[in-house]
Amino acid sequence: MNALEFRHLKRFCDKYGIDYYEIDNTLTYYENLKHLRSIAHMLTQTLDTFEIERMAELQKQYIKEHPIAYYLACQMAGETTAADIGPPIEEFKFSLKDYVNGRNNQSLQKVSA
């Protein structure tokens, strides 16, 4: 293996983040390249799997740390995932006017009693 081939193998190692010690001087250029390609293929596969697993882990962590934000996102999407809360109630409408009138009526009853 000459210096140019060795340089090409080093560039391949730099591109995929492989250590130079994986290059074996006793092997030919093509044998080394085949070995380095198998390592690069293995690294790219495990990185993709690792990234997917890491994203799922981060999503679970976010749901644990921010349950209200997760619940509100589910509500806006029209789905409620909490079993104890159940689906959204469509018929209930809050009226501030009725609430204020109810509070005034309670305070008048306390004064008259």
C-alpha atoms as a PDB file:
ATOM      1  CA  MET A   1       0.000   0.000   0.000  1.00  0.00           C
ATOM      2  CA  ASN A   2       1.509   3.320  -1.066  1.00  0.00           C
ATOM      3  CA  ALA A   3       1.233   6.743   0.585  1.00  0.00           C
ATOM      4  CA  LEU A   4      -1.596   7.942  -1.691  1.00  0.00           C
ATOM      5  CA  GLU A   5      -3.749   4.921  -0.869  1.00  0.00           C
ATOM      6  CA  PHE A   6      -2.991   5.387   2.826  1.00  0.00           C
ATOM      7  CA  ARG A   7      -4.026   9.054   2.513  1.00  0.00           C
ATOM      8  CA  HIS A   8      -7.332   8.032   0.874  1.00  0.00           C
ATOM      9  CA  LEU A   9      -8.027   5.598   3.698  1.00  0.00           C
ATOM     10  CA  LYS A  10      -7.286   8.308   6.273  1.00  0.00           C
ATOM     11  CA  ARG A  11      -9.732  10.664   4.523  1.00  0.00           C
ATOM     12  CA  PHE A  12     -12.357   7.905   4.598  1.00  0.00           C
ATOM     13  CA  CYS A  13     -11.727   7.484   8.326  1.00  0.00           C
ATOM     14  CA  ASP A  14     -12.088  11.238   8.871  1.00  0.00           C
ATOM     15  CA  LYS A  15     -15.335  11.327   6.926  1.00  0.00           C
ATOM     16  CA  TYR A  16     -16.992   8.631   9.073  1.00  0.00           C
ATOM     17  CA  GLY A  17     -15.209   9.269  12.374  1.00  0.00           C
ATOM     18  CA  ILE A  18     -13.264   6.015  12.375  1.00  0.00           C
ATOM     19  CA  ASP A  19      -9.967   5.715  14.231  1.00  0.00           C
ATOM     20  CA  TYR A  20      -6.793   5.439  12.093  1.00  0.00           C
ATOM     21  CA  TYR A  21      -5.808   2.299  14.010  1.00  0.00           C
ATOM     22  CA  GLU A  22      -8.410   0.413  11.999  1.00  0.00           C
ATOM     23  CA  ILE A  23      -6.122   0.700   8.974  1.00  0.00           C
ATOM     24  CA  ASP A  24      -3.929  -2.389   8.802  1.00  0.00           C
ATOM     25  CA  ASN A  25      -0.618  -1.982   6.970  1.00  0.00           C
ATOM     26  CA  THR A  26      -0.355  -5.700   6.297  1.00  0.00           C
ATOM     27  CA  LEU A  27      -3.547  -5.686   4.181  1.00  0.00           C
ATOM     28  CA  THR A  28      -4.006  -4.295   0.694  1.00  0.00           C
ATOM     29  CA  TYR A  29      -5.763  -1.019  -0.038  1.00  0.00           C
ATOM     30  CA  TYR A  30      -8.975  -2.735  -1.156  1.00  0.00           C
ATOM     31  CA  GLU A  31      -9.074  -5.067   1.832  1.00  0.00           C
ATOM     32  CA  ASN A  32      -8.668  -2.088   4.160  1.00  0.00           C
ATOM     33  CA  LEU A  33     -11.330  -0.152   2.269  1.00  0.00           C
ATOM     34  CA  LYS A  34     -13.738  -3.094   2.538  1.00  0.00           C
ATOM     35  CA  HIS A  35     -13.080  -3.319   6.284  1.00  0.00           C
ATOM     36  CA  LEU A  36     -13.551   0.437   6.788  1.00  0.00           C
ATOM     37  CA  ARG A  37     -16.776   0.428   4.750  1.00  0.00           C
ATOM     38  CA  SER A  38     -18.199  -2.323   6.942  1.00  0.00           C
ATOM     39  CA  ILE A  39     -17.368  -0.277  10.046  1.00  0.00           C
ATOM     40  CA  ALA A  40     -18.883   2.871   8.502  1.00  0.00           C
ATOM     41  CA  HIS A  41     -22.031   0.952   7.565  1.00  0.00           C
ATOM     42  CA  MET A  42     -22.327  -0.401  11.096  1.00  0.00           C
ATOM     43  CA  LEU A  43     -21.822   3.082  12.587  1.00  0.00           C
ATOM     44  CA  THR A  44     -24.426   4.738  10.382  1.00  0.00           C
ATOM     45  CA  GLN A  45     -26.971   2.008  11.135  1.00  0.00           C
ATOM     46  CA  THR A  46     -26.477   2.190  14.871  1.00  0.00           C
ATOM     47  CA  LEU A  47     -26.568   5.995  14.826  1.00  0.00           C
ATOM     48  CA  ASP A  48     -29.946   5.967  13.106  1.00  0.00           C
ATOM     49  CA  THR A  49     -31.315   3.425  15.570  1.00  0.00           C
ATOM     50  CA  PHE A  50     -29.755   5.312  18.460  1.00  0.00           C
ATOM     51  CA  GLU A  51     -31.257   8.628  17.318  1.00  0.00           C
ATOM     52  CA  ILE A  52     -34.750   7.131  17.048  1.00  0.00           C
ATOM     53  CA  GLU A  53     -34.479   5.554  20.482  1.00  0.00           C
ATOM     54  CA  ARG A  54     -33.108   8.805  21.932  1.00  0.00           C
ATOM     55  CA  MET A  55     -35.975  10.834  20.468  1.00  0.00           C
ATOM     56  CA  ALA A  56     -38.525   8.425  21.939  1.00  0.00           C
ATOM     57  CA  GLU A  57     -36.756   8.653  25.298  1.00  0.00           C
ATOM     58  CA  LEU A  58     -36.756  12.469  25.167  1.00  0.00           C
ATOM     59  CA  GLN A  59     -40.452  12.488  24.279  1.00  0.00           C
ATOM     60  CA  LYS A  60     -41.292  10.306  27.291  1.00  0.00           C
ATOM     61  CA  GLN A  61     -39.163  12.536  29.516  1.00  0.00           C
ATOM     62  CA  TYR A  62     -40.914  15.669  28.212  1.00  0.00           C
ATOM     63  CA  ILE A  63     -44.341  14.143  28.872  1.00  0.00           C
ATOM     64  CA  LYS A  64     -43.293  13.342  32.451  1.00  0.00           C
ATOM     65  CA  GLU A  65     -41.865  16.812  33.067  1.00  0.00           C
ATOM     66  CA  HIS A  66     -44.635  18.793  31.332  1.00  0.00           C
ATOM     67  CA  PRO A  67     -47.928  16.913  31.763  1.00  0.00           C
ATOM     68  CA  ILE A  68     -50.129  20.000  31.427  1.00  0.00           C
ATOM     69  CA  ALA A  69     -48.559  21.015  28.115  1.00  0.00           C
ATOM     70  CA  TYR A  70     -48.961  17.450  26.852  1.00  0.00           C
ATOM     71  CA  TYR A  71     -52.596  17.334  27.992  1.00  0.00           C
ATOM     72  CA  LEU A  72     -53.351  20.682  26.331  1.00  0.00           C
ATOM     73  CA  ALA A  73     -51.739  19.496  23.104  1.00  0.00           C
ATOM     74  CA  CYS A  74     -53.945  16.404  23.218  1.00  0.00           C
ATOM     75  CA  GLN A  75     -57.003  18.575  23.879  1.00  0.00           C
ATOM     76  CA  MET A  76     -56.221  20.841  20.921  1.00  0.00           C
ATOM     77  CA  ALA A  77     -55.773  17.784  18.721  1.00  0.00           C
ATOM     78  CA  GLY A  78     -59.157  16.502  19.893  1.00  0.00           C
ATOM     79  CA  GLU A  79     -57.852  13.486  21.737  1.00  0.00           C
ATOM     80  CA  THR A  80     -57.556  12.992  25.455  1.00  0.00           C
ATOM     81  CA  THR A  81     -55.174  10.276  26.543  1.00  0.00           C
ATOM     82  CA  ALA A  82     -55.718  10.511  30.294  1.00  0.00           C
ATOM     83  CA  ALA A  83     -58.038   7.698  31.425  1.00  0.00           C
ATOM     84  CA  ASP A  84     -59.041   9.426  34.656  1.00  0.00           C
ATOM     85  CA  ILE A  85     -60.052  12.667  32.894  1.00  0.00           C
ATOM     86  CA  GLY A  86     -61.838  11.160  29.924  1.00  0.00           C
ATOM     87  CA  PRO A  87     -62.929  12.771  26.679  1.00  0.00           C
ATOM     88  CA  PRO A  88     -63.620  16.512  26.491  1.00  0.00           C
ATOM     89  CA  ILE A  89     -67.068  17.671  27.599  1.00  0.00           C
ATOM     90  CA  GLU A  90     -68.760  19.429  24.709  1.00  0.00           C
ATOM     91  CA  GLU A  91     -72.028  20.520  26.359  1.00  0.00           C
ATOM     92  CA  PHE A  92     -70.464  22.448  29.251  1.00  0.00           C
ATOM     93  CA  LYS A  93     -70.103  26.166  28.519  1.00  0.00           C
ATOM     94  CA  PHE A  94     -68.698  28.477  31.147  1.00  0.00           C
ATOM     95  CA  SER A  95     -70.472  31.809  31.524  1.00  0.00           C
ATOM     96  CA  LEU A  96     -68.768  34.562  33.492  1.00  0.00           C
ATOM     97  CA  LYS A  97     -72.079  36.453  33.757  1.00  0.00           C
ATOM     98  CA  ASP A  98     -73.818  33.482  35.401  1.00  0.00           C
ATOM     99  CA  TYR A  99     -70.866  32.974  37.744  1.00  0.00           C
ATOM    100  CA  VAL A 100     -70.868  36.634  38.849  1.00  0.00           C
ATOM    101  CA  ASN A 101     -74.661  36.646  39.295  1.00  0.00           C
ATOM    102  CA  GLY A 102     -74.428  33.465  41.343  1.00  0.00           C
ATOM    103  CA  ARG A 103     -71.741  34.981  43.572  1.00  0.00           C
ATOM    104  CA  ASN A 104     -73.847  38.137  44.054  1.00  0.00           C
ATOM    105  CA  ASN A 105     -76.919  36.071  44.973  1.00  0.00           C
ATOM    106  CA  GLN A 106     -74.912  34.081  47.541  1.00  0.00           C
ATOM    107  CA  SER A 107     -73.528  37.238  49.161  1.00  0.00           C
ATOM    108  CA  LEU A 108     -77.046  38.768  49.307  1.00  0.00           C
ATOM    109  CA  GLN A 109     -78.410  35.646  50.993  1.00  0.00           C
ATOM    110  CA  LYS A 110     -75.639  35.777  53.627  1.00  0.00           C
ATOM    111  CA  VAL A 111     -76.352  39.464  54.368  1.00  0.00           C
ATOM    112  CA  SER A 112     -80.125  38.941  54.648  1.00  0.00           C
ATOM    113  CA  ALA A 113     -79.730  35.870  56.862  1.00  0.00           C
END
